[in-house]
Amino acid sequence: MFETNIDIYSLLSRPYILLILAFLLDLCIGDPLWLPHPVRGIGWFTTKIEGLLKSKMQKKEKIERLSGIFLVVTIVGFTYVLFYILNSSLLFTRSLSLINFLSLLVIVYLISTTIATKGLIDSACVVIKHVRDKNIEDARKGLNHIVGRDTEKLDERGILKATIESLAENASDGIIAPLFYFAIGGLPLAMTYKAINTMDSMVGYKNDRYRYFGWAAAKLDDIVNYLPARITGILIAVSSTIVYRSLSTGHSSMKIMLSDGKKHPSPNSGVPEAAMSGALGIMLGGPLSYGGIVINKPYIGINRSEGEGQNIFLILTEKAIPILKLTAAFGLVITVMCQYIRVMP
């Protein structure tokens, strides 16, 4: 019996099995508020360090940049070391018992918190439902949960366009990038990526408060998302070919990704957005309002649906959901294959 338990534990503790279980767990429960979430802890820690640094910091560019670098090094270093120790401590085989299997469950949960497939799809579906029911005010409120722009004055088309852009961008940040870093370095590196992404969302702004202090966090986020964003764009193109059952759709997605992906102010966000724009045949981007300030972002893609009414935009937004699901599935399969190859004798 003991040898049988050892064999089961050995199988379940393999990284690719843990990842599959974590991916399925995320699809089942997402990120419920009643469970402790590492990203919330990282956010709390970031806020505390930021407050400590800013209380002792002079308002000078060099000082603010150095303080921002210190914040990044502290959060990144602490996160990696903490989850490396946790990962190593929870995966052990001495005196095999129920505790070992409970430890695996904890690891599976921790891995699942780096992936946001269910949360992203559910949030988008809530917005789509409100638009379909003509509850524009509720749609705007739902959109607030997944975008940072001002939503109070968005019309139906603006809401749907923002939803598509969020699905495309977060396909990279919330799904493919964590999988990419899990493939390279397991749970510690995947969680470190989430820490970098969290810091960027908190301090990586080009406003008076964070222009210099958040510089390091924003630059590091750009660097770590460079490859995942482009992988996401390719997977969106492949997925759209399958969803639409048309090679021309995938070709259009790749074409727009290569031509318009670099138009976006972000070196990474525009790539999956352009791929989704080409897949759906709609124009994304354009002027946006953040905190009451209008930012003239360039348009991405060609609007093949122009003149077909609001309903076509709703249909295309709904079409983005299966494209996202397939993109996530492809990302999982590739990551599992990478992990399997790594552990092969």
Protein backbone atom coordinates (compact mmCIF):
# COMPACT_ATOMS: atom_id res chain seq x y z
CA MET A 1 0.00 0.00 0.00
CA PHE A 2 2.82 2.38 0.90
CA GLU A 3 4.53 1.78 -2.45
CA THR A 4 1.21 2.40 -4.23
CA ASN A 5 0.83 5.71 -2.38
CA ILE A 6 4.39 6.64 -3.33
CA ASP A 7 3.62 5.95 -6.99
CA ILE A 8 0.42 8.05 -6.88
CA TYR A 9 2.22 10.88 -5.09
CA SER A 10 5.10 10.74 -7.57
CA LEU A 11 2.66 11.03 -10.49
CA LEU A 12 0.62 13.85 -8.97
CA SER A 13 3.69 15.84 -7.96
CA ARG A 14 5.00 16.10 -11.51
CA PRO A 15 4.90 19.75 -12.65
CA TYR A 16 2.77 19.15 -15.72
CA ILE A 17 0.17 17.20 -13.70
CA LEU A 18 0.09 19.95 -11.07
CA LEU A 19 -0.41 22.53 -13.82
CA ILE A 20 -3.28 20.61 -15.43
CA LEU A 21 -5.00 20.27 -12.05
CA ALA A 22 -4.41 23.98 -11.33
CA PHE A 23 -5.81 25.00 -14.70
CA LEU A 24 -8.93 22.91 -14.10
CA LEU A 25 -9.25 24.31 -10.57
CA ASP A 26 -9.15 27.86 -11.93
CA LEU A 27 -11.87 26.98 -14.45
CA CYS A 28 -13.99 25.60 -11.62
CA ILE A 29 -13.62 28.24 -8.89
CA GLY A 30 -11.68 31.17 -10.36
CA ASP A 31 -10.48 33.54 -7.62
CA PRO A 32 -13.14 33.54 -4.87
CA LEU A 33 -12.82 36.38 -2.37
CA TRP A 34 -13.23 34.03 0.60
CA LEU A 35 -9.92 32.29 -0.16
CA PRO A 36 -6.58 33.97 0.59
CA HIS A 37 -4.95 35.08 -2.66
CA PRO A 38 -1.17 35.62 -3.07
CA VAL A 39 -1.67 38.56 -5.44
CA ARG A 40 -3.66 40.43 -2.79
CA GLY A 41 -0.77 39.79 -0.40
CA ILE A 42 1.73 41.06 -2.96
CA GLY A 43 -0.41 44.16 -3.46
CA TRP A 44 -0.54 44.80 0.29
CA PHE A 45 3.24 44.35 0.61
CA THR A 46 3.83 46.71 -2.33
CA THR A 47 1.62 49.38 -0.76
CA LYS A 48 3.46 49.10 2.57
CA ILE A 49 6.92 49.40 1.00
CA GLU A 50 5.79 52.25 -1.24
CA GLY A 51 4.46 54.15 1.78
CA LEU A 52 7.69 53.56 3.71
CA LEU A 53 9.87 54.71 0.80
CA LYS A 54 7.78 57.76 -0.06
CA SER A 55 7.74 58.95 3.55
CA LYS A 56 11.55 59.15 3.49
CA MET A 57 11.98 60.18 -0.16
CA GLN A 58 12.88 63.57 -1.56
CA LYS A 59 11.00 64.81 -4.61
CA LYS A 60 13.92 64.40 -7.00
CA GLU A 61 13.96 62.33 -10.18
CA LYS A 62 17.09 60.33 -9.32
CA ILE A 63 15.93 59.60 -5.77
CA GLU A 64 12.49 58.50 -6.98
CA ARG A 65 13.96 56.22 -9.66
CA LEU A 66 16.33 54.59 -7.15
CA SER A 67 13.48 54.13 -4.68
CA GLY A 68 11.38 52.53 -7.44
CA ILE A 69 14.23 50.19 -8.29
CA PHE A 70 14.53 49.25 -4.61
CA LEU A 71 10.79 48.48 -4.53
CA VAL A 72 11.06 46.22 -7.59
CA VAL A 73 14.13 44.35 -6.33
CA THR A 74 12.53 43.84 -2.91
CA ILE A 75 9.17 42.58 -4.18
CA VAL A 76 10.66 40.39 -6.93
CA GLY A 77 13.35 38.93 -4.68
CA PHE A 78 11.01 38.31 -1.75
CA THR A 79 8.32 36.72 -3.95
CA TYR A 80 10.70 34.36 -5.72
CA VAL A 81 12.48 33.26 -2.54
CA LEU A 82 9.23 32.81 -0.60
CA PHE A 83 7.55 30.65 -3.24
CA TYR A 84 10.75 28.73 -3.96
CA ILE A 85 10.88 27.76 -0.28
CA LEU A 86 7.15 26.99 -0.20
CA ASN A 87 7.35 24.91 -3.36
CA SER A 88 10.37 22.97 -2.09
CA SER A 89 8.91 22.47 1.38
CA LEU A 90 5.52 21.25 0.18
CA LEU A 91 6.97 18.72 -2.27
CA PHE A 92 8.53 16.06 -0.08
CA THR A 93 8.18 12.29 0.21
CA ARG A 94 9.49 11.48 3.67
CA SER A 95 7.00 9.65 5.87
CA LEU A 96 4.36 9.78 3.16
CA SER A 97 0.95 10.57 4.66
CA LEU A 98 -2.23 12.53 4.11
CA ILE A 99 -0.25 15.71 4.79
CA ASN A 100 1.76 15.14 1.62
CA PHE A 101 -1.38 14.99 -0.51
CA LEU A 102 -2.80 18.06 1.24
CA SER A 103 0.48 19.82 0.43
CA LEU A 104 -0.04 18.99 -3.24
CA LEU A 105 -3.50 20.53 -3.03
CA VAL A 106 -1.99 23.73 -1.64
CA ILE A 107 0.51 23.86 -4.52
CA VAL A 108 -2.26 23.26 -7.06
CA TYR A 109 -4.21 26.15 -5.54
CA LEU A 110 -1.18 28.45 -5.57
CA ILE A 111 -0.52 27.67 -9.23
CA SER A 112 -4.18 28.29 -10.06
CA THR A 113 -3.96 31.79 -8.56
CA THR A 114 -1.43 32.76 -11.24
CA ILE A 115 -3.98 31.96 -13.99
CA ALA A 116 -7.11 34.05 -14.57
CA THR A 117 -9.02 32.25 -17.31
CA LYS A 118 -12.35 31.91 -15.50
CA GLY A 119 -12.26 35.39 -14.02
CA LEU A 120 -11.55 36.98 -17.39
CA ILE A 121 -14.25 35.04 -19.25
CA ASP A 122 -16.85 35.54 -16.51
CA SER A 123 -16.22 39.29 -16.35
CA ALA A 124 -16.55 39.66 -20.11
CA CYS A 125 -19.70 37.53 -20.20
CA VAL A 126 -21.32 39.74 -17.52
CA VAL A 127 -20.69 42.83 -19.68
CA ILE A 128 -21.97 41.08 -22.82
CA LYS A 129 -25.14 39.97 -21.02
CA HIS A 130 -25.89 43.49 -19.80
CA VAL A 131 -25.39 44.89 -23.30
CA ARG A 132 -27.61 42.20 -24.78
CA ASP A 133 -30.29 43.11 -22.22
CA LYS A 134 -29.80 46.83 -22.97
CA ASN A 135 -28.67 47.52 -19.38
CA ILE A 136 -25.96 49.97 -20.43
CA GLU A 137 -25.36 51.38 -16.95
CA ASP A 138 -24.80 47.89 -15.51
CA ALA A 139 -22.57 47.07 -18.48
CA ARG A 140 -20.42 50.10 -17.68
CA LYS A 141 -20.18 49.01 -14.04
CA GLY A 142 -19.19 45.49 -15.09
CA LEU A 143 -16.59 46.87 -17.47
CA ASN A 144 -15.01 48.81 -14.59
CA HIS A 145 -13.81 45.48 -13.17
CA ILE A 146 -11.67 44.64 -16.21
CA VAL A 147 -10.44 47.98 -17.62
CA GLY A 148 -8.72 51.05 -16.19
CA ARG A 149 -10.27 53.63 -18.52
CA ASP A 150 -13.25 55.85 -17.74
CA THR A 151 -16.47 54.04 -18.63
CA GLU A 152 -19.18 56.51 -17.55
CA LYS A 153 -19.75 57.95 -21.04
CA LEU A 154 -19.14 54.86 -23.18
CA ASP A 155 -21.95 53.85 -25.51
CA GLU A 156 -22.79 50.25 -26.41
CA ARG A 157 -20.13 50.01 -29.09
CA GLY A 158 -17.51 51.60 -26.85
CA ILE A 159 -18.30 49.12 -24.08
CA LEU A 160 -18.01 46.14 -26.40
CA LYS A 161 -14.80 47.43 -27.97
CA ALA A 162 -13.26 47.88 -24.52
CA THR A 163 -14.33 44.33 -23.61
CA ILE A 164 -12.62 42.88 -26.69
CA GLU A 165 -9.45 44.86 -25.98
CA SER A 166 -9.45 43.63 -22.38
CA LEU A 167 -9.94 40.01 -23.45
CA ALA A 168 -7.02 40.24 -25.89
CA GLU A 169 -4.62 42.04 -23.55
CA ASN A 170 -5.45 39.92 -20.51
CA ALA A 171 -5.14 36.74 -22.54
CA SER A 172 -1.45 37.54 -22.38
CA ASP A 173 -1.15 39.02 -18.88
CA GLY A 174 -3.59 36.68 -17.17
CA ILE A 175 -3.13 33.38 -19.00
CA ILE A 176 -0.26 32.93 -21.47
CA ALA A 177 2.43 34.86 -19.56
CA PRO A 178 1.94 32.93 -16.28
CA LEU A 179 1.96 29.67 -18.26
CA PHE A 180 5.11 30.79 -20.09
CA TYR A 181 6.97 31.46 -16.85
CA PHE A 182 5.66 28.29 -15.23
CA ALA A 183 7.11 26.37 -18.19
CA ILE A 184 10.51 27.98 -17.53
CA GLY A 185 10.69 28.04 -13.74
CA GLY A 186 7.61 26.46 -12.19
CA LEU A 187 5.53 28.06 -9.42
CA PRO A 188 8.26 30.44 -8.10
CA LEU A 189 8.79 32.11 -11.48
CA ALA A 190 5.08 32.18 -12.38
CA MET A 191 4.30 33.89 -9.07
CA THR A 192 7.22 36.29 -9.56
CA TYR A 193 5.71 37.27 -12.89
CA LYS A 194 2.40 37.98 -11.12
CA ALA A 195 4.29 40.17 -8.65
CA ILE A 196 5.83 42.18 -11.49
CA ASN A 197 2.47 42.52 -13.21
CA THR A 198 0.84 43.59 -9.94
CA MET A 199 3.49 46.24 -9.27
CA ASP A 200 3.04 47.64 -12.77
CA SER A 201 -0.73 47.90 -12.28
CA MET A 202 -0.17 49.74 -8.99
CA VAL A 203 2.74 52.12 -9.67
CA GLY A 204 3.55 51.87 -13.38
CA TYR A 205 1.77 55.08 -14.40
CA LYS A 206 3.14 58.09 -16.25
CA ASN A 207 1.49 60.64 -13.97
CA ASP A 208 3.03 63.12 -11.53
CA ARG A 209 2.93 60.64 -8.65
CA TYR A 210 4.55 57.64 -10.36
CA ARG A 211 6.40 59.01 -13.42
CA TYR A 212 9.82 58.28 -11.90
CA PHE A 213 8.99 56.06 -8.93
CA GLY A 214 7.08 53.58 -11.14
CA TRP A 215 9.59 53.66 -14.00
CA ALA A 216 11.42 50.46 -12.98
CA ALA A 217 8.21 48.49 -12.44
CA ALA A 218 6.81 49.57 -15.83
CA LYS A 219 10.04 48.78 -17.69
CA LEU A 220 10.41 45.37 -16.08
CA ASP A 221 6.78 44.58 -16.92
CA ASP A 222 7.46 45.51 -20.56
CA ILE A 223 10.48 43.19 -20.63
CA VAL A 224 8.82 40.13 -19.06
CA ASN A 225 5.73 40.47 -21.28
CA TYR A 226 7.60 40.84 -24.56
CA LEU A 227 7.67 37.17 -25.57
CA PRO A 228 4.34 36.14 -23.97
CA ALA A 229 2.48 38.94 -25.79
CA ARG A 230 3.77 37.74 -29.16
CA ILE A 231 3.05 34.11 -28.36
CA THR A 232 -0.48 35.18 -27.39
CA GLY A 233 -0.91 37.00 -30.70
CA ILE A 234 0.11 33.90 -32.65
CA LEU A 235 -2.19 31.67 -30.58
CA ILE A 236 -5.10 34.07 -31.14
CA ALA A 237 -4.49 33.86 -34.89
CA VAL A 238 -4.39 30.05 -34.79
CA SER A 239 -7.48 29.89 -32.56
CA SER A 240 -9.45 32.25 -34.80
CA THR A 241 -8.71 30.00 -37.77
CA ILE A 242 -10.34 27.10 -35.92
CA VAL A 243 -13.28 29.13 -34.55
CA TYR A 244 -14.11 30.62 -37.95
CA ARG A 245 -12.96 27.51 -39.84
CA SER A 246 -11.16 29.79 -42.25
CA LEU A 247 -7.46 30.10 -43.03
CA SER A 248 -8.06 33.64 -44.29
CA THR A 249 -9.19 34.67 -40.80
CA GLY A 250 -5.95 33.46 -39.26
CA HIS A 251 -4.00 35.13 -42.06
CA SER A 252 -5.81 38.43 -41.43
CA SER A 253 -5.13 38.12 -37.71
CA MET A 254 -1.40 37.60 -38.26
CA LYS A 255 -1.25 40.35 -40.87
CA ILE A 256 -2.86 42.96 -38.60
CA MET A 257 -0.76 41.79 -35.66
CA LEU A 258 2.45 42.36 -37.61
CA SER A 259 1.38 45.66 -39.16
CA ASP A 260 -0.56 47.32 -36.31
CA GLY A 261 0.73 45.65 -33.14
CA LYS A 262 3.52 48.21 -32.86
CA LYS A 263 1.14 51.20 -33.09
CA HIS A 264 0.04 50.83 -29.48
CA PRO A 265 1.85 53.00 -26.87
CA SER A 266 2.66 49.80 -25.00
CA PRO A 267 5.28 47.57 -26.68
CA ASN A 268 3.20 44.52 -25.77
CA SER A 269 -0.51 45.27 -25.32
CA GLY A 270 -1.00 46.15 -28.97
CA VAL A 271 0.19 42.76 -30.23
CA PRO A 272 -2.67 40.53 -28.94
CA GLU A 273 -5.15 43.39 -29.48
CA ALA A 274 -4.09 43.68 -33.12
CA ALA A 275 -4.33 39.90 -33.54
CA MET A 276 -7.87 39.91 -32.12
CA SER A 277 -8.77 42.93 -34.25
CA GLY A 278 -7.66 41.13 -37.42
CA ALA A 279 -9.45 37.94 -36.38
CA LEU A 280 -12.78 39.67 -35.77
CA GLY A 281 -12.48 42.25 -38.54
CA ILE A 282 -13.06 45.27 -36.32
CA MET A 283 -11.11 48.41 -35.50
CA LEU A 284 -9.84 48.77 -31.95
CA GLY A 285 -7.95 51.56 -30.18
CA GLY A 286 -8.66 55.25 -30.66
CA PRO A 287 -9.14 58.05 -28.11
CA LEU A 288 -9.62 56.91 -24.49
CA SER A 289 -10.26 58.75 -21.25
CA TYR A 290 -8.26 57.99 -18.09
CA GLY A 291 -9.16 59.98 -14.98
CA GLY A 292 -10.89 62.58 -17.10
CA ILE A 293 -7.86 63.03 -19.37
CA VAL A 294 -8.34 62.06 -23.01
CA ILE A 295 -5.46 60.10 -24.56
CA ASN A 296 -5.40 59.82 -28.34
CA LYS A 297 -4.32 56.23 -28.93
CA PRO A 298 -3.95 55.10 -32.55
CA TYR A 299 -6.54 52.92 -34.22
CA ILE A 300 -5.68 49.26 -34.78
CA GLY A 301 -7.04 47.07 -37.57
CA ILE A 302 -9.55 47.52 -40.37
CA ASN A 303 -13.27 47.66 -39.61
CA ARG A 304 -14.83 45.15 -41.99
CA SER A 305 -18.11 45.36 -40.03
CA GLU A 306 -18.62 49.11 -40.56
CA GLY A 307 -22.21 49.94 -41.41
CA GLU A 308 -23.62 46.61 -40.22
CA GLY A 309 -25.18 48.03 -37.05
CA GLN A 310 -24.58 47.61 -33.31
CA ASN A 311 -25.73 43.98 -33.33
CA ILE A 312 -22.72 42.82 -35.37
CA PHE A 313 -20.41 44.28 -32.70
CA LEU A 314 -22.19 42.25 -30.03
CA ILE A 315 -21.89 39.09 -32.14
CA LEU A 316 -18.18 39.68 -32.70
CA THR A 317 -17.59 40.32 -29.00
CA GLU A 318 -19.28 37.00 -28.22
CA LYS A 319 -17.03 35.40 -30.86
CA ALA A 320 -13.96 36.61 -28.96
CA ILE A 321 -14.84 34.29 -26.04
CA PRO A 322 -14.25 30.96 -27.85
CA ILE A 323 -11.10 32.45 -29.41
CA LEU A 324 -9.86 33.24 -25.89
CA LYS A 325 -10.78 29.76 -24.63
CA LEU A 326 -8.86 28.08 -27.46
CA THR A 327 -5.90 30.40 -26.90
CA ALA A 328 -5.83 29.38 -23.24
CA ALA A 329 -6.13 25.68 -24.15
CA PHE A 330 -3.25 25.92 -26.63
CA GLY A 331 -1.17 27.70 -24.02
CA LEU A 332 -1.84 24.93 -21.51
CA VAL A 333 -0.97 22.16 -23.99
CA ILE A 334 2.30 23.83 -24.98
CA THR A 335 3.29 24.40 -21.35
CA VAL A 336 2.46 20.81 -20.39
CA MET A 337 4.54 19.55 -23.31
CA CYS A 338 7.49 21.72 -22.26
CA GLN A 339 7.30 20.49 -18.67
CA TYR A 340 6.92 16.86 -19.79
CA ILE A 341 10.00 17.11 -22.00
CA ARG A 342 11.98 18.65 -19.13
CA VAL A 343 11.32 15.71 -16.79
CA MET A 344 11.81 13.00 -19.37
CA PRO A 345 14.77 10.72 -18.52
